[in-house]
Amino acid sequence: MEEQPGLSSQYRKSSPWPMFVALGLVLSEFGVFMGGPFVPVAVGGVLILEASVAGILRESGYTRSLWPSALGLGALVGAAGGLLLVLTTYHTRALSLVGAGAIALVAGVVLFLVESKRL
């Protein structure tokens, strides 16, 4: 009988990404709830959430690089923010999503340029 059942070197170590997903959600909602000068906190929270999802996709092997995920998530989040801006009255949330989507798109382009050695 083993002294430490269930522990083996064949199992992967735990991932840090769930903590960052939770932090991104909390910061984004805090920034939206407080509004005003805290809107940049909401944008930062959405960016942390996007980066975490891109990191999860990279770590799990669904993508080989971060830039396709950054571009896709930036477009998706930006489009969702644009729809919220047009269709609802949640303007603070919509603007934080549009801002974070735009920053993620720029980051995706920069990551592509760096990876392809064009920058």
N, C-alpha and C. Protein backbone atom coordinates (compact mmCIF):
# COMPACT_ATOMS: atom_id res chain seq x y z
N MET A 1 0.84 -1.18 0.00
CA MET A 1 0.00 0.00 0.00
C MET A 1 0.88 1.24 0.00
N GLU A 2 0.52 2.23 -0.82
CA GLU A 2 1.33 3.44 -0.94
C GLU A 2 1.06 4.39 0.22
N GLU A 3 2.11 5.14 0.57
CA GLU A 3 1.95 6.12 1.65
C GLU A 3 1.17 7.35 1.18
N GLN A 4 1.33 7.71 -0.09
CA GLN A 4 0.64 8.88 -0.63
C GLN A 4 -0.19 8.44 -1.83
N PRO A 5 -1.36 7.91 -1.60
CA PRO A 5 -2.16 7.43 -2.73
C PRO A 5 -2.60 8.58 -3.63
N GLY A 6 -2.59 8.33 -4.92
CA GLY A 6 -3.05 9.32 -5.88
C GLY A 6 -1.99 10.28 -6.35
N LEU A 7 -0.84 10.32 -5.70
CA LEU A 7 0.23 11.21 -6.11
C LEU A 7 1.23 10.43 -6.95
N SER A 8 1.49 10.90 -8.12
CA SER A 8 2.42 10.21 -9.00
C SER A 8 3.06 11.23 -9.92
N SER A 9 4.22 10.92 -10.43
CA SER A 9 4.89 11.83 -11.34
C SER A 9 4.25 11.81 -12.72
N GLN A 10 3.36 10.87 -12.99
CA GLN A 10 2.72 10.80 -14.30
C GLN A 10 1.62 11.85 -14.45
N TYR A 11 1.13 12.40 -13.36
CA TYR A 11 0.08 13.40 -13.43
C TYR A 11 0.69 14.78 -13.63
N ARG A 12 0.01 15.59 -14.42
CA ARG A 12 0.47 16.96 -14.65
C ARG A 12 0.31 17.78 -13.39
N LYS A 13 1.13 18.78 -13.28
CA LYS A 13 1.01 19.70 -12.16
C LYS A 13 -0.19 20.61 -12.39
N SER A 14 -0.65 21.25 -11.37
CA SER A 14 -1.82 22.11 -11.51
C SER A 14 -1.47 23.36 -12.30
N SER A 15 -2.45 23.90 -12.94
CA SER A 15 -2.29 25.07 -13.79
C SER A 15 -2.64 26.33 -13.01
N PRO A 16 -1.93 27.44 -13.24
CA PRO A 16 -2.27 28.70 -12.55
C PRO A 16 -3.42 29.46 -13.20
N TRP A 17 -3.86 29.03 -14.39
CA TRP A 17 -4.82 29.83 -15.13
C TRP A 17 -6.17 30.01 -14.45
N PRO A 18 -6.74 29.04 -13.74
CA PRO A 18 -8.04 29.28 -13.10
C PRO A 18 -8.03 30.45 -12.12
N MET A 19 -6.91 30.66 -11.43
CA MET A 19 -6.81 31.79 -10.52
C MET A 19 -6.88 33.11 -11.28
N PHE A 20 -6.23 33.17 -12.44
CA PHE A 20 -6.25 34.40 -13.23
C PHE A 20 -7.60 34.62 -13.90
N VAL A 21 -8.29 33.55 -14.26
CA VAL A 21 -9.65 33.70 -14.79
C VAL A 21 -10.55 34.33 -13.73
N ALA A 22 -10.46 33.81 -12.51
CA ALA A 22 -11.27 34.37 -11.42
C ALA A 22 -10.89 35.82 -11.13
N LEU A 23 -9.60 36.13 -11.13
CA LEU A 23 -9.15 37.50 -10.89
C LEU A 23 -9.65 38.43 -11.99
N GLY A 24 -9.61 37.98 -13.23
CA GLY A 24 -10.11 38.80 -14.34
C GLY A 24 -11.59 39.08 -14.22
N LEU A 25 -12.37 38.07 -13.85
CA LEU A 25 -13.80 38.28 -13.68
C LEU A 25 -14.10 39.25 -12.54
N VAL A 26 -13.40 39.09 -11.43
CA VAL A 26 -13.63 39.97 -10.28
C VAL A 26 -13.25 41.40 -10.61
N LEU A 27 -12.09 41.61 -11.22
CA LEU A 27 -11.67 42.97 -11.54
C LEU A 27 -12.58 43.63 -12.57
N SER A 28 -13.01 42.86 -13.56
CA SER A 28 -13.88 43.46 -14.57
C SER A 28 -15.23 43.86 -13.97
N GLU A 29 -15.77 43.01 -13.13
CA GLU A 29 -17.06 43.36 -12.52
C GLU A 29 -16.91 44.50 -11.51
N PHE A 30 -15.80 44.54 -10.78
CA PHE A 30 -15.56 45.64 -9.85
C PHE A 30 -15.48 46.96 -10.61
N GLY A 31 -14.74 46.97 -11.72
CA GLY A 31 -14.62 48.19 -12.50
C GLY A 31 -15.93 48.66 -13.09
N VAL A 32 -16.75 47.70 -13.54
CA VAL A 32 -18.06 48.06 -14.10
C VAL A 32 -18.98 48.55 -12.99
N PHE A 33 -18.97 47.88 -11.84
CA PHE A 33 -19.85 48.26 -10.73
C PHE A 33 -19.52 49.65 -10.19
N MET A 34 -18.23 49.93 -10.02
CA MET A 34 -17.82 51.22 -9.46
C MET A 34 -17.90 52.33 -10.50
N GLY A 35 -17.62 52.01 -11.75
CA GLY A 35 -17.72 52.99 -12.83
C GLY A 35 -16.72 54.12 -12.69
N GLY A 36 -16.94 55.17 -13.46
CA GLY A 36 -16.11 56.36 -13.40
C GLY A 36 -14.63 56.08 -13.55
N PRO A 37 -13.83 56.45 -12.53
CA PRO A 37 -12.38 56.26 -12.65
C PRO A 37 -11.95 54.79 -12.58
N PHE A 38 -12.86 53.89 -12.28
CA PHE A 38 -12.52 52.47 -12.17
C PHE A 38 -12.78 51.70 -13.47
N VAL A 39 -13.19 52.37 -14.52
CA VAL A 39 -13.41 51.69 -15.81
C VAL A 39 -12.11 51.07 -16.33
N PRO A 40 -10.94 51.72 -16.18
CA PRO A 40 -9.70 51.04 -16.60
C PRO A 40 -9.45 49.73 -15.84
N VAL A 41 -9.93 49.62 -14.63
CA VAL A 41 -9.81 48.36 -13.89
C VAL A 41 -10.65 47.29 -14.58
N ALA A 42 -11.82 47.67 -15.07
CA ALA A 42 -12.67 46.73 -15.80
C ALA A 42 -11.99 46.28 -17.09
N VAL A 43 -11.36 47.22 -17.80
CA VAL A 43 -10.65 46.87 -19.04
C VAL A 43 -9.49 45.92 -18.70
N GLY A 44 -8.76 46.22 -17.65
CA GLY A 44 -7.67 45.34 -17.24
C GLY A 44 -8.15 43.96 -16.84
N GLY A 45 -9.30 43.90 -16.18
CA GLY A 45 -9.86 42.61 -15.80
C GLY A 45 -10.23 41.78 -17.01
N VAL A 46 -10.83 42.41 -18.01
CA VAL A 46 -11.18 41.68 -19.23
C VAL A 46 -9.92 41.24 -19.95
N LEU A 47 -8.87 42.08 -19.94
CA LEU A 47 -7.61 41.69 -20.56
C LEU A 47 -6.98 40.49 -19.85
N ILE A 48 -7.04 40.48 -18.52
CA ILE A 48 -6.53 39.33 -17.77
C ILE A 48 -7.33 38.07 -18.13
N LEU A 49 -8.62 38.22 -18.26
CA LEU A 49 -9.47 37.09 -18.64
C LEU A 49 -9.11 36.58 -20.04
N GLU A 50 -8.94 37.50 -20.98
CA GLU A 50 -8.57 37.10 -22.35
C GLU A 50 -7.20 36.43 -22.38
N ALA A 51 -6.24 36.98 -21.67
CA ALA A 51 -4.90 36.39 -21.64
C ALA A 51 -4.93 35.01 -20.99
N SER A 52 -5.76 34.84 -19.98
CA SER A 52 -5.88 33.54 -19.32
C SER A 52 -6.46 32.49 -20.27
N VAL A 53 -7.47 32.87 -21.01
CA VAL A 53 -8.07 31.92 -21.95
C VAL A 53 -7.06 31.58 -23.05
N ALA A 54 -6.32 32.57 -23.53
CA ALA A 54 -5.28 32.30 -24.53
C ALA A 54 -4.20 31.39 -23.95
N GLY A 55 -3.84 31.61 -22.71
CA GLY A 55 -2.85 30.76 -22.06
C GLY A 55 -3.34 29.34 -21.87
N ILE A 56 -4.61 29.20 -21.52
CA ILE A 56 -5.20 27.86 -21.37
C ILE A 56 -5.19 27.12 -22.70
N LEU A 57 -5.55 27.82 -23.77
CA LEU A 57 -5.55 27.20 -25.09
C LEU A 57 -4.15 26.78 -25.51
N ARG A 58 -3.16 27.61 -25.20
CA ARG A 58 -1.77 27.30 -25.54
C ARG A 58 -1.25 26.13 -24.70
N GLU A 59 -1.53 26.16 -23.40
CA GLU A 59 -1.05 25.12 -22.49
C GLU A 59 -1.66 23.76 -22.80
N SER A 60 -2.92 23.76 -23.19
CA SER A 60 -3.59 22.49 -23.46
C SER A 60 -3.30 21.95 -24.86
N GLY A 61 -2.60 22.72 -25.67
CA GLY A 61 -2.20 22.24 -26.99
C GLY A 61 -3.19 22.50 -28.10
N TYR A 62 -4.20 23.31 -27.86
CA TYR A 62 -5.17 23.62 -28.92
C TYR A 62 -4.60 24.59 -29.94
N THR A 63 -3.57 25.34 -29.57
CA THR A 63 -2.91 26.25 -30.48
C THR A 63 -1.42 26.23 -30.19
N ARG A 64 -0.63 26.53 -31.20
CA ARG A 64 0.82 26.50 -31.03
C ARG A 64 1.38 27.85 -30.64
N SER A 65 0.63 28.89 -30.85
CA SER A 65 1.10 30.24 -30.57
C SER A 65 -0.01 31.03 -29.88
N LEU A 66 0.36 32.14 -29.28
CA LEU A 66 -0.64 32.95 -28.58
C LEU A 66 -1.36 33.93 -29.51
N TRP A 67 -0.75 34.30 -30.63
CA TRP A 67 -1.35 35.36 -31.42
C TRP A 67 -2.68 34.99 -32.07
N PRO A 68 -2.91 33.76 -32.54
CA PRO A 68 -4.24 33.49 -33.09
C PRO A 68 -5.34 33.59 -32.03
N SER A 69 -5.02 33.13 -30.83
CA SER A 69 -6.00 33.22 -29.74
C SER A 69 -6.25 34.66 -29.36
N ALA A 70 -5.18 35.46 -29.31
CA ALA A 70 -5.34 36.87 -28.95
C ALA A 70 -6.19 37.60 -29.99
N LEU A 71 -5.94 37.33 -31.26
CA LEU A 71 -6.75 37.96 -32.30
C LEU A 71 -8.21 37.51 -32.24
N GLY A 72 -8.42 36.21 -32.09
CA GLY A 72 -9.79 35.69 -32.03
C GLY A 72 -10.56 36.20 -30.82
N LEU A 73 -9.91 36.15 -29.67
CA LEU A 73 -10.58 36.63 -28.45
C LEU A 73 -10.81 38.13 -28.50
N GLY A 74 -9.85 38.87 -29.04
CA GLY A 74 -10.03 40.31 -29.17
C GLY A 74 -11.20 40.66 -30.07
N ALA A 75 -11.30 39.95 -31.19
CA ALA A 75 -12.43 40.19 -32.10
C ALA A 75 -13.75 39.81 -31.46
N LEU A 76 -13.77 38.68 -30.78
CA LEU A 76 -15.00 38.20 -30.14
C LEU A 76 -15.46 39.14 -29.03
N VAL A 77 -14.53 39.53 -28.16
CA VAL A 77 -14.88 40.41 -27.05
C VAL A 77 -15.25 41.81 -27.56
N GLY A 78 -14.51 42.30 -28.56
CA GLY A 78 -14.83 43.61 -29.13
C GLY A 78 -16.20 43.63 -29.80
N ALA A 79 -16.52 42.54 -30.51
CA ALA A 79 -17.84 42.45 -31.15
C ALA A 79 -18.95 42.36 -30.11
N ALA A 80 -18.72 41.61 -29.05
CA ALA A 80 -19.72 41.52 -27.98
C ALA A 80 -19.93 42.88 -27.33
N GLY A 81 -18.84 43.62 -27.12
CA GLY A 81 -18.96 44.97 -26.56
C GLY A 81 -19.70 45.90 -27.49
N GLY A 82 -19.43 45.78 -28.79
CA GLY A 82 -20.14 46.61 -29.77
C GLY A 82 -21.63 46.32 -29.79
N LEU A 83 -21.98 45.04 -29.71
CA LEU A 83 -23.40 44.68 -29.65
C LEU A 83 -24.06 45.21 -28.38
N LEU A 84 -23.36 45.10 -27.26
CA LEU A 84 -23.91 45.64 -26.01
C LEU A 84 -24.09 47.14 -26.10
N LEU A 85 -23.15 47.81 -26.74
CA LEU A 85 -23.23 49.27 -26.86
C LEU A 85 -24.43 49.69 -27.70
N VAL A 86 -24.72 48.93 -28.74
CA VAL A 86 -25.82 49.29 -29.64
C VAL A 86 -27.16 48.84 -29.09
N LEU A 87 -27.23 47.65 -28.50
CA LEU A 87 -28.51 47.06 -28.17
C LEU A 87 -28.98 47.27 -26.73
N THR A 88 -28.08 47.66 -25.82
CA THR A 88 -28.48 47.78 -24.41
C THR A 88 -28.06 49.13 -23.85
N THR A 89 -28.33 49.29 -22.58
CA THR A 89 -27.92 50.53 -21.90
C THR A 89 -26.74 50.30 -20.96
N TYR A 90 -26.07 49.16 -21.10
CA TYR A 90 -24.89 48.86 -20.28
C TYR A 90 -23.64 49.46 -20.92
N HIS A 91 -23.58 50.78 -20.95
CA HIS A 91 -22.51 51.45 -21.68
C HIS A 91 -21.14 51.27 -21.03
N THR A 92 -21.07 51.26 -19.72
CA THR A 92 -19.77 51.07 -19.05
C THR A 92 -19.20 49.70 -19.37
N ARG A 93 -20.03 48.68 -19.27
CA ARG A 93 -19.59 47.32 -19.60
C ARG A 93 -19.24 47.21 -21.07
N ALA A 94 -20.05 47.80 -21.93
CA ALA A 94 -19.79 47.73 -23.37
C ALA A 94 -18.48 48.41 -23.74
N LEU A 95 -18.23 49.58 -23.18
CA LEU A 95 -16.99 50.29 -23.49
C LEU A 95 -15.77 49.56 -22.96
N SER A 96 -15.90 48.91 -21.79
CA SER A 96 -14.76 48.16 -21.28
C SER A 96 -14.48 46.94 -22.16
N LEU A 97 -15.52 46.31 -22.68
CA LEU A 97 -15.31 45.17 -23.58
C LEU A 97 -14.72 45.61 -24.92
N VAL A 98 -15.20 46.71 -25.46
CA VAL A 98 -14.66 47.22 -26.72
C VAL A 98 -13.19 47.61 -26.55
N GLY A 99 -12.89 48.29 -25.45
CA GLY A 99 -11.51 48.69 -25.19
C GLY A 99 -10.58 47.51 -25.02
N ALA A 100 -11.00 46.52 -24.25
CA ALA A 100 -10.18 45.33 -24.04
C ALA A 100 -10.03 44.52 -25.33
N GLY A 101 -11.09 44.47 -26.13
CA GLY A 101 -11.00 43.78 -27.42
C GLY A 101 -10.02 44.45 -28.35
N ALA A 102 -10.03 45.78 -28.38
CA ALA A 102 -9.10 46.51 -29.24
C ALA A 102 -7.66 46.30 -28.78
N ILE A 103 -7.42 46.34 -27.49
CA ILE A 103 -6.07 46.13 -26.97
C ILE A 103 -5.61 44.71 -27.27
N ALA A 104 -6.50 43.73 -27.15
CA ALA A 104 -6.14 42.34 -27.46
C ALA A 104 -5.83 42.17 -28.95
N LEU A 105 -6.56 42.88 -29.81
CA LEU A 105 -6.26 42.81 -31.24
C LEU A 105 -4.87 43.38 -31.53
N VAL A 106 -4.55 44.51 -30.93
CA VAL A 106 -3.22 45.10 -31.11
C VAL A 106 -2.15 44.15 -30.56
N ALA A 107 -2.40 43.55 -29.41
CA ALA A 107 -1.45 42.61 -28.83
C ALA A 107 -1.26 41.39 -29.73
N GLY A 108 -2.33 40.92 -30.35
CA GLY A 108 -2.22 39.79 -31.27
C GLY A 108 -1.38 40.12 -32.49
N VAL A 109 -1.55 41.32 -33.01
CA VAL A 109 -0.73 41.74 -34.16
C VAL A 109 0.74 41.85 -33.75
N VAL A 110 0.99 42.44 -32.58
CA VAL A 110 2.37 42.56 -32.11
C VAL A 110 2.99 41.19 -31.86
N LEU A 111 2.24 40.28 -31.26
CA LEU A 111 2.74 38.92 -31.05
C LEU A 111 3.07 38.23 -32.38
N PHE A 112 2.23 38.43 -33.38
CA PHE A 112 2.49 37.85 -34.70
C PHE A 112 3.77 38.43 -35.29
N LEU A 113 3.92 39.75 -35.21
CA LEU A 113 5.12 40.39 -35.77
C LEU A 113 6.39 39.95 -35.06
N VAL A 114 6.31 39.81 -33.75
CA VAL A 114 7.49 39.37 -32.99
C VAL A 114 7.81 37.91 -33.31
N GLU A 115 6.78 37.08 -33.38
CA GLU A 115 7.02 35.66 -33.64
C GLU A 115 7.56 35.42 -35.04
N SER A 116 7.11 36.20 -36.01
CA SER A 116 7.59 36.03 -37.38
C SER A 116 8.85 36.84 -37.64
N LYS A 117 9.41 37.45 -36.60
CA LYS A 117 10.65 38.23 -36.67
C LYS A 117 10.56 39.40 -37.63
N ARG A 118 9.41 40.00 -37.71
CA ARG A 118 9.22 41.20 -38.53
C ARG A 118 9.30 42.47 -37.70
N LEU A 119 9.34 42.32 -36.41
CA LEU A 119 9.41 43.49 -35.52
C LEU A 119 10.64 43.41 -34.68
